[in-house]
Amino acid sequence: MPIAILSAMAEEMQLYLDTCSVRTSTERAGFAFHRANYASHDLVLVQCGVGKVHAAMCSQILVDAFQADAIVCTGTAGAAHSGLDIGDLVVADDCVHHDIDVTFLGLPRGQIPFTDLRFFETSPPLRDKAMEATLPEHTAHRGRVLTGDMFVQDADYLAQIRRDLDGDCVEMEGAAVGQVCARNDVPYLVVRAISDRADGTSADDFQAFLHQAAETSAQVVLHLLDALDPAAVPNDL
């Protein structure tokens, strides 16, 4: 069964399509799923589009139609604190929805009502191998990914969700992938390279550094695949 790689944007996915050997492509629910090979691994590559609904749809298709052994969500993110520079990498320990706010019921931010779901832990073997990647010009960090259906560029809101959730970066898909994987008992990982600072300058930074950040995240994911023994998957996930 394959390992799936999911990215939101064309700039993020194209690096994998160029590097991997694509065998076949199939369309489901308007998304193109590419069966590919890299380093003797069987892969499924998909550009899911931006946002949590798209990410969740593609993740469930990867589980149901392709029987994915694991899902790796990769691409760019905004820094949630000053310790991260543009181009640095966050390998997720876990992900949480920062835009789920039902505090009037006495629930903490990110808690999904009427469930015990809040923080979605990533696969320890996958994140450990990803952290072994060498980044000559940048630094890799383990941390918490904050997911929401908004492009965060307000410093006050960023400070609030960081205070509530102690996150390291913000993006728009990771916790949706994590929630689907948690429900289906499928290992997952989120790898994000910093493209902006999620403040008033974030829109300009995002456009300027998108390609650089996408390349950095792809470099780490490809290292992860190089480090995984195809014969040992899925036991190593």
C-alpha atoms as a PDB file:
ATOM      1  CA  MET A   1       0.000   0.000   0.000  1.00  0.00           C
ATOM      2  CA  PRO A   2       1.253   3.508  -0.778  1.00  0.00           C
ATOM      3  CA  ILE A   3       2.487   6.469   1.202  1.00  0.00           C
ATOM      4  CA  ALA A   4       0.478   9.565   0.267  1.00  0.00           C
ATOM      5  CA  ILE A   5       1.879  13.086  -0.108  1.00  0.00           C
ATOM      6  CA  LEU A   6      -0.675  15.890   0.032  1.00  0.00           C
ATOM      7  CA  SER A   7      -0.066  19.581  -0.680  1.00  0.00           C
ATOM      8  CA  ALA A   8      -2.470  22.470  -1.023  1.00  0.00           C
ATOM      9  CA  MET A   9      -0.856  24.479  -3.801  1.00  0.00           C
ATOM     10  CA  ALA A  10       0.568  23.773  -7.241  1.00  0.00           C
ATOM     11  CA  GLU A  11       3.909  25.323  -6.279  1.00  0.00           C
ATOM     12  CA  GLU A  12       4.175  22.849  -3.414  1.00  0.00           C
ATOM     13  CA  MET A  13       3.109  19.739  -5.350  1.00  0.00           C
ATOM     14  CA  GLN A  14       5.032  20.391  -8.587  1.00  0.00           C
ATOM     15  CA  LEU A  15       8.367  19.603  -6.916  1.00  0.00           C
ATOM     16  CA  TYR A  16       7.159  16.066  -6.182  1.00  0.00           C
ATOM     17  CA  LEU A  17       5.696  15.589  -9.646  1.00  0.00           C
ATOM     18  CA  ASP A  18       9.041  16.644 -11.145  1.00  0.00           C
ATOM     19  CA  THR A  19      11.124  14.411  -8.856  1.00  0.00           C
ATOM     20  CA  CYS A  20       9.011  11.254  -8.660  1.00  0.00           C
ATOM     21  CA  SER A  21       8.243   8.859 -11.486  1.00  0.00           C
ATOM     22  CA  VAL A  22       4.510   9.239 -12.158  1.00  0.00           C
ATOM     23  CA  ARG A  23       2.864   6.055 -13.475  1.00  0.00           C
ATOM     24  CA  THR A  24      -0.840   6.849 -13.700  1.00  0.00           C
ATOM     25  CA  SER A  25      -3.255   9.646 -12.805  1.00  0.00           C
ATOM     26  CA  THR A  26      -6.859   9.308 -11.668  1.00  0.00           C
ATOM     27  CA  GLU A  27      -9.493  11.956 -10.976  1.00  0.00           C
ATOM     28  CA  ARG A  28     -11.819  11.612  -7.977  1.00  0.00           C
ATOM     29  CA  ALA A  29     -14.153  14.331  -6.673  1.00  0.00           C
ATOM     30  CA  GLY A  30     -12.365  16.860  -8.873  1.00  0.00           C
ATOM     31  CA  PHE A  31      -8.880  16.055  -7.524  1.00  0.00           C
ATOM     32  CA  ALA A  32      -6.051  14.477  -9.545  1.00  0.00           C
ATOM     33  CA  PHE A  33      -4.395  11.574  -7.741  1.00  0.00           C
ATOM     34  CA  HIS A  34      -1.036  10.505  -9.191  1.00  0.00           C
ATOM     35  CA  ARG A  35       0.427   7.039  -8.574  1.00  0.00           C
ATOM     36  CA  ALA A  36       4.199   7.418  -8.519  1.00  0.00           C
ATOM     37  CA  ASN A  37       7.477   5.873  -7.387  1.00  0.00           C
ATOM     38  CA  TYR A  38      10.380   7.353  -5.476  1.00  0.00           C
ATOM     39  CA  ALA A  39      13.261   5.512  -3.769  1.00  0.00           C
ATOM     40  CA  SER A  40      11.401   2.210  -4.304  1.00  0.00           C
ATOM     41  CA  HIS A  41       8.337   3.582  -2.508  1.00  0.00           C
ATOM     42  CA  ASP A  42       4.850   3.378  -3.956  1.00  0.00           C
ATOM     43  CA  LEU A  43       3.331   6.857  -3.619  1.00  0.00           C
ATOM     44  CA  VAL A  44       0.114   8.738  -4.229  1.00  0.00           C
ATOM     45  CA  LEU A  45       0.556  12.465  -4.882  1.00  0.00           C
ATOM     46  CA  VAL A  46      -2.358  14.899  -4.685  1.00  0.00           C
ATOM     47  CA  GLN A  47      -2.802  18.674  -4.725  1.00  0.00           C
ATOM     48  CA  CYS A  48      -5.827  19.077  -2.482  1.00  0.00           C
ATOM     49  CA  GLY A  49      -6.359  22.815  -2.780  1.00  0.00           C
ATOM     50  CA  VAL A  50      -6.480  25.294   0.075  1.00  0.00           C
ATOM     51  CA  GLY A  51      -8.470  24.769   3.257  1.00  0.00           C
ATOM     52  CA  LYS A  52      -9.657  22.164   5.705  1.00  0.00           C
ATOM     53  CA  VAL A  53     -12.576  20.769   3.705  1.00  0.00           C
ATOM     54  CA  HIS A  54     -10.404  20.058   0.659  1.00  0.00           C
ATOM     55  CA  ALA A  55      -7.718  18.497   2.839  1.00  0.00           C
ATOM     56  CA  ALA A  56     -10.229  16.294   4.645  1.00  0.00           C
ATOM     57  CA  MET A  57     -11.881  15.181   1.397  1.00  0.00           C
ATOM     58  CA  CYS A  58      -8.578  14.163  -0.154  1.00  0.00           C
ATOM     59  CA  SER A  59      -7.394  12.454   3.016  1.00  0.00           C
ATOM     60  CA  GLN A  60     -10.503  10.277   3.218  1.00  0.00           C
ATOM     61  CA  ILE A  61     -10.166   9.357  -0.461  1.00  0.00           C
ATOM     62  CA  LEU A  62      -6.522   8.430   0.156  1.00  0.00           C
ATOM     63  CA  VAL A  63      -7.654   6.123   2.962  1.00  0.00           C
ATOM     64  CA  ASP A  64     -10.677   4.595   1.226  1.00  0.00           C
ATOM     65  CA  ALA A  65      -9.683   4.397  -2.435  1.00  0.00           C
ATOM     66  CA  PHE A  66      -5.909   4.067  -2.202  1.00  0.00           C
ATOM     67  CA  GLN A  67      -5.497   2.344   1.198  1.00  0.00           C
ATOM     68  CA  ALA A  68      -2.672   4.729   2.120  1.00  0.00           C
ATOM     69  CA  ASP A  69      -0.259   3.423   4.749  1.00  0.00           C
ATOM     70  CA  ALA A  70       0.433   7.016   5.847  1.00  0.00           C
ATOM     71  CA  ILE A  71      -0.317  10.565   4.749  1.00  0.00           C
ATOM     72  CA  VAL A  72       2.315  13.318   4.693  1.00  0.00           C
ATOM     73  CA  CYS A  73       0.941  16.858   4.453  1.00  0.00           C
ATOM     74  CA  THR A  74       3.610  19.221   3.216  1.00  0.00           C
ATOM     75  CA  GLY A  75       4.050  22.833   2.143  1.00  0.00           C
ATOM     76  CA  THR A  76       4.280  26.284   3.653  1.00  0.00           C
ATOM     77  CA  ALA A  77       3.152  28.019   6.852  1.00  0.00           C
ATOM     78  CA  GLY A  78       3.299  31.294   8.736  1.00  0.00           C
ATOM     79  CA  ALA A  79       5.554  31.612  11.781  1.00  0.00           C
ATOM     80  CA  ALA A  80       3.722  31.953  15.083  1.00  0.00           C
ATOM     81  CA  HIS A  81       6.709  33.283  17.033  1.00  0.00           C
ATOM     82  CA  SER A  82       9.965  35.138  16.497  1.00  0.00           C
ATOM     83  CA  GLY A  83      12.136  32.044  16.938  1.00  0.00           C
ATOM     84  CA  LEU A  84      11.314  30.902  13.412  1.00  0.00           C
ATOM     85  CA  ASP A  85      12.910  32.544  10.389  1.00  0.00           C
ATOM     86  CA  ILE A  86      11.593  32.438   6.848  1.00  0.00           C
ATOM     87  CA  GLY A  87      12.799  29.178   5.309  1.00  0.00           C
ATOM     88  CA  ASP A  88      12.977  27.342   8.636  1.00  0.00           C
ATOM     89  CA  LEU A  89      11.063  24.111   8.992  1.00  0.00           C
ATOM     90  CA  VAL A  90       8.441  22.869  11.443  1.00  0.00           C
ATOM     91  CA  VAL A  91       8.000  19.100  11.755  1.00  0.00           C
ATOM     92  CA  ALA A  92       4.712  18.695  13.601  1.00  0.00           C
ATOM     93  CA  ASP A  93       4.467  16.936  16.931  1.00  0.00           C
ATOM     94  CA  ASP A  94       0.737  17.518  16.658  1.00  0.00           C
ATOM     95  CA  CYS A  95      -1.878  19.724  15.006  1.00  0.00           C
ATOM     96  CA  VAL A  96      -4.961  21.535  16.329  1.00  0.00           C
ATOM     97  CA  HIS A  97      -7.798  23.608  14.821  1.00  0.00           C
ATOM     98  CA  HIS A  98      -7.235  27.189  16.024  1.00  0.00           C
ATOM     99  CA  ASP A  99     -10.537  28.338  14.516  1.00  0.00           C
ATOM    100  CA  ILE A 100     -12.717  25.924  16.508  1.00  0.00           C
ATOM    101  CA  ASP A 101     -13.826  28.115  19.401  1.00  0.00           C
ATOM    102  CA  VAL A 102     -16.673  26.870  21.587  1.00  0.00           C
ATOM    103  CA  THR A 103     -15.415  28.419  24.784  1.00  0.00           C
ATOM    104  CA  PHE A 104     -18.969  29.457  25.745  1.00  0.00           C
ATOM    105  CA  LEU A 105     -19.544  25.757  26.532  1.00  0.00           C
ATOM    106  CA  GLY A 106     -16.508  25.741  28.780  1.00  0.00           C
ATOM    107  CA  LEU A 107     -14.362  23.964  26.191  1.00  0.00           C
ATOM    108  CA  PRO A 108     -10.797  25.072  25.440  1.00  0.00           C
ATOM    109  CA  ARG A 109     -10.006  26.472  22.004  1.00  0.00           C
ATOM    110  CA  GLY A 110      -9.507  23.701  19.486  1.00  0.00           C
ATOM    111  CA  GLN A 111     -11.663  21.154  21.323  1.00  0.00           C
ATOM    112  CA  ILE A 112     -14.195  19.594  18.934  1.00  0.00           C
ATOM    113  CA  PRO A 113     -17.539  19.646  20.758  1.00  0.00           C
ATOM    114  CA  PHE A 114     -18.967  16.353  22.029  1.00  0.00           C
ATOM    115  CA  THR A 115     -15.725  14.474  21.305  1.00  0.00           C
ATOM    116  CA  ASP A 116     -12.381  13.991  23.027  1.00  0.00           C
ATOM    117  CA  LEU A 117     -10.590  15.312  19.926  1.00  0.00           C
ATOM    118  CA  ARG A 118      -8.342  18.332  20.223  1.00  0.00           C
ATOM    119  CA  PHE A 119      -4.645  17.678  19.509  1.00  0.00           C
ATOM    120  CA  PHE A 120      -3.840  15.238  16.693  1.00  0.00           C
ATOM    121  CA  GLU A 121      -0.462  13.608  17.307  1.00  0.00           C
ATOM    122  CA  THR A 122       1.738  12.799  14.331  1.00  0.00           C
ATOM    123  CA  SER A 123       3.629   9.543  13.791  1.00  0.00           C
ATOM    124  CA  PRO A 124       6.749   9.467  16.024  1.00  0.00           C
ATOM    125  CA  PRO A 125       8.820   7.349  13.580  1.00  0.00           C
ATOM    126  CA  LEU A 126       7.975   9.647  10.666  1.00  0.00           C
ATOM    127  CA  ARG A 127       8.754  12.861  12.512  1.00  0.00           C
ATOM    128  CA  ASP A 128      12.015  11.428  13.923  1.00  0.00           C
ATOM    129  CA  LYS A 129      13.240  10.482  10.453  1.00  0.00           C
ATOM    130  CA  ALA A 130      12.167  13.846   9.028  1.00  0.00           C
ATOM    131  CA  MET A 131      14.181  15.647  11.709  1.00  0.00           C
ATOM    132  CA  GLU A 132      17.333  13.864  10.516  1.00  0.00           C
ATOM    133  CA  ALA A 133      17.308  15.861   7.261  1.00  0.00           C
ATOM    134  CA  THR A 134      20.181  18.289   6.738  1.00  0.00           C
ATOM    135  CA  LEU A 135      19.225  21.876   5.936  1.00  0.00           C
ATOM    136  CA  PRO A 136      22.450  23.857   5.350  1.00  0.00           C
ATOM    137  CA  GLU A 137      20.763  27.277   5.234  1.00  0.00           C
ATOM    138  CA  HIS A 138      17.841  26.752   7.640  1.00  0.00           C
ATOM    139  CA  THR A 139      16.865  25.127  10.923  1.00  0.00           C
ATOM    140  CA  ALA A 140      14.357  22.347  11.543  1.00  0.00           C
ATOM    141  CA  HIS A 141      12.154  22.525  14.634  1.00  0.00           C
ATOM    142  CA  ARG A 142       9.635  20.148  16.145  1.00  0.00           C
ATOM    143  CA  GLY A 143       6.447  21.881  17.198  1.00  0.00           C
ATOM    144  CA  ARG A 144       2.708  22.357  17.140  1.00  0.00           C
ATOM    145  CA  VAL A 145       0.880  23.309  13.943  1.00  0.00           C
ATOM    146  CA  LEU A 146      -2.201  25.537  14.231  1.00  0.00           C
ATOM    147  CA  THR A 147      -4.764  25.012  11.446  1.00  0.00           C
ATOM    148  CA  GLY A 148      -7.651  27.255  10.418  1.00  0.00           C
ATOM    149  CA  ASP A 149      -9.640  28.373   7.406  1.00  0.00           C
ATOM    150  CA  MET A 150      -8.028  31.787   7.301  1.00  0.00           C
ATOM    151  CA  PHE A 151      -4.750  33.313   6.160  1.00  0.00           C
ATOM    152  CA  VAL A 152      -3.538  34.703   9.477  1.00  0.00           C
ATOM    153  CA  GLN A 153      -2.058  38.183   9.166  1.00  0.00           C
ATOM    154  CA  ASP A 154      -3.342  39.892  12.299  1.00  0.00           C
ATOM    155  CA  ALA A 155      -0.752  40.116  15.061  1.00  0.00           C
ATOM    156  CA  ASP A 156      -3.355  40.347  17.836  1.00  0.00           C
ATOM    157  CA  TYR A 157      -5.186  37.219  16.693  1.00  0.00           C
ATOM    158  CA  LEU A 158      -1.876  35.401  16.290  1.00  0.00           C
ATOM    159  CA  ALA A 159      -0.900  36.310  19.857  1.00  0.00           C
ATOM    160  CA  GLN A 160      -4.266  35.063  21.121  1.00  0.00           C
ATOM    161  CA  ILE A 161      -4.112  31.643  19.487  1.00  0.00           C
ATOM    162  CA  ARG A 162      -0.472  31.246  20.432  1.00  0.00           C
ATOM    163  CA  ARG A 163      -1.400  31.998  24.050  1.00  0.00           C
ATOM    164  CA  ASP A 164      -4.326  29.570  23.965  1.00  0.00           C
ATOM    165  CA  LEU A 165      -2.618  26.756  22.045  1.00  0.00           C
ATOM    166  CA  ASP A 166       1.152  27.285  22.315  1.00  0.00           C
ATOM    167  CA  GLY A 167       1.615  26.811  18.566  1.00  0.00           C
ATOM    168  CA  ASP A 168       4.665  27.265  16.404  1.00  0.00           C
ATOM    169  CA  CYS A 169       3.175  27.943  12.976  1.00  0.00           C
ATOM    170  CA  VAL A 170      -0.173  28.543  11.283  1.00  0.00           C
ATOM    171  CA  GLU A 171      -1.532  26.974   8.110  1.00  0.00           C
ATOM    172  CA  MET A 172      -4.815  25.774   6.604  1.00  0.00           C
ATOM    173  CA  GLU A 173      -4.818  21.965   6.213  1.00  0.00           C
ATOM    174  CA  GLY A 174      -2.789  20.017   8.781  1.00  0.00           C
ATOM    175  CA  ALA A 175      -5.318  19.417  11.573  1.00  0.00           C
ATOM    176  CA  ALA A 176      -7.951  18.376   9.018  1.00  0.00           C
ATOM    177  CA  VAL A 177      -5.576  15.695   7.735  1.00  0.00           C
ATOM    178  CA  GLY A 178      -4.810  14.764  11.340  1.00  0.00           C
ATOM    179  CA  GLN A 179      -8.483  14.456  12.254  1.00  0.00           C
ATOM    180  CA  VAL A 180      -9.226  12.152   9.317  1.00  0.00           C
ATOM    181  CA  CYS A 181      -6.157  10.062  10.086  1.00  0.00           C
ATOM    182  CA  ALA A 182      -7.064   9.825  13.772  1.00  0.00           C
ATOM    183  CA  ARG A 183     -10.556   8.601  12.908  1.00  0.00           C
ATOM    184  CA  ASN A 184      -9.141   6.004  10.498  1.00  0.00           C
ATOM    185  CA  ASP A 185      -6.113   4.989  12.588  1.00  0.00           C
ATOM    186  CA  VAL A 186      -3.672   5.986   9.821  1.00  0.00           C
ATOM    187  CA  PRO A 187      -0.240   7.467  10.653  1.00  0.00           C
ATOM    188  CA  TYR A 188       0.359  10.989   9.396  1.00  0.00           C
ATOM    189  CA  LEU A 189       2.923  13.767   9.438  1.00  0.00           C
ATOM    190  CA  VAL A 190       2.854  17.496   8.695  1.00  0.00           C
ATOM    191  CA  VAL A 191       6.020  19.190   7.410  1.00  0.00           C
ATOM    192  CA  ARG A 192       5.848  22.960   6.962  1.00  0.00           C
ATOM    193  CA  ALA A 193       8.460  25.480   5.832  1.00  0.00           C
ATOM    194  CA  ILE A 194       8.018  29.076   6.950  1.00  0.00           C
ATOM    195  CA  SER A 195       7.036  31.438   4.127  1.00  0.00           C
ATOM    196  CA  ASP A 196       5.833  34.435   6.179  1.00  0.00           C
ATOM    197  CA  ARG A 197       5.479  35.797   9.708  1.00  0.00           C
ATOM    198  CA  ALA A 198       1.653  35.715   9.933  1.00  0.00           C
ATOM    199  CA  ASP A 199       1.494  39.415  10.801  1.00  0.00           C
ATOM    200  CA  GLY A 200       0.846  42.614   8.852  1.00  0.00           C
ATOM    201  CA  THR A 201       3.689  41.799   6.444  1.00  0.00           C
ATOM    202  CA  SER A 202       2.575  38.216   5.800  1.00  0.00           C
ATOM    203  CA  ALA A 203       0.938  38.715   2.399  1.00  0.00           C
ATOM    204  CA  ASP A 204       4.084  40.269   0.889  1.00  0.00           C
ATOM    205  CA  ASP A 205       6.374  37.691   2.526  1.00  0.00           C
ATOM    206  CA  PHE A 206       4.199  34.790   1.368  1.00  0.00           C
ATOM    207  CA  GLN A 207       4.400  35.791  -2.290  1.00  0.00           C
ATOM    208  CA  ALA A 208       8.136  36.472  -2.097  1.00  0.00           C
ATOM    209  CA  PHE A 209       9.168  33.282  -0.306  1.00  0.00           C
ATOM    210  CA  LEU A 210       6.552  30.719  -1.407  1.00  0.00           C
ATOM    211  CA  HIS A 211       8.842  28.856  -3.795  1.00  0.00           C
ATOM    212  CA  GLN A 212      11.770  28.843  -1.373  1.00  0.00           C
ATOM    213  CA  ALA A 213       9.638  27.478   1.450  1.00  0.00           C
ATOM    214  CA  ALA A 214       7.991  24.870  -0.782  1.00  0.00           C
ATOM    215  CA  GLU A 215      11.406  23.639  -1.888  1.00  0.00           C
ATOM    216  CA  THR A 216      12.603  23.341   1.717  1.00  0.00           C
ATOM    217  CA  SER A 217       9.606  21.290   2.815  1.00  0.00           C
ATOM    218  CA  ALA A 218       9.932  19.013  -0.222  1.00  0.00           C
ATOM    219  CA  GLN A 219      13.620  18.489   0.519  1.00  0.00           C
ATOM    220  CA  VAL A 220      12.771  17.173   3.974  1.00  0.00           C
ATOM    221  CA  VAL A 221       9.932  14.929   2.800  1.00  0.00           C
ATOM    222  CA  LEU A 222      12.134  13.386   0.108  1.00  0.00           C
ATOM    223  CA  HIS A 223      14.818  12.802   2.744  1.00  0.00           C
ATOM    224  CA  LEU A 224      12.169  11.074   4.840  1.00  0.00           C
ATOM    225  CA  LEU A 225      11.351   8.735   1.950  1.00  0.00           C
ATOM    226  CA  ASP A 226      15.055   8.049   1.393  1.00  0.00           C
ATOM    227  CA  ALA A 227      15.382   7.109   5.070  1.00  0.00           C
ATOM    228  CA  LEU A 228      12.373   4.767   5.133  1.00  0.00           C
ATOM    229  CA  ASP A 229      13.022   1.153   4.206  1.00  0.00           C
ATOM    230  CA  PRO A 230      10.328   0.181   1.639  1.00  0.00           C
ATOM    231  CA  ALA A 231      10.500  -3.408   2.866  1.00  0.00           C
ATOM    232  CA  ALA A 232       9.737  -2.303   6.439  1.00  0.00           C
ATOM    233  CA  VAL A 233       6.783  -0.036   5.615  1.00  0.00           C
ATOM    234  CA  PRO A 234       4.160   0.050   7.182  1.00  0.00           C
ATOM    235  CA  ASN A 235       5.862  -1.313  10.316  1.00  0.00           C
ATOM    236  CA  ASP A 236       8.146   1.753  10.480  1.00  0.00           C
ATOM    237  CA  LEU A 237       5.250   4.224  10.454  1.00  0.00           C
END
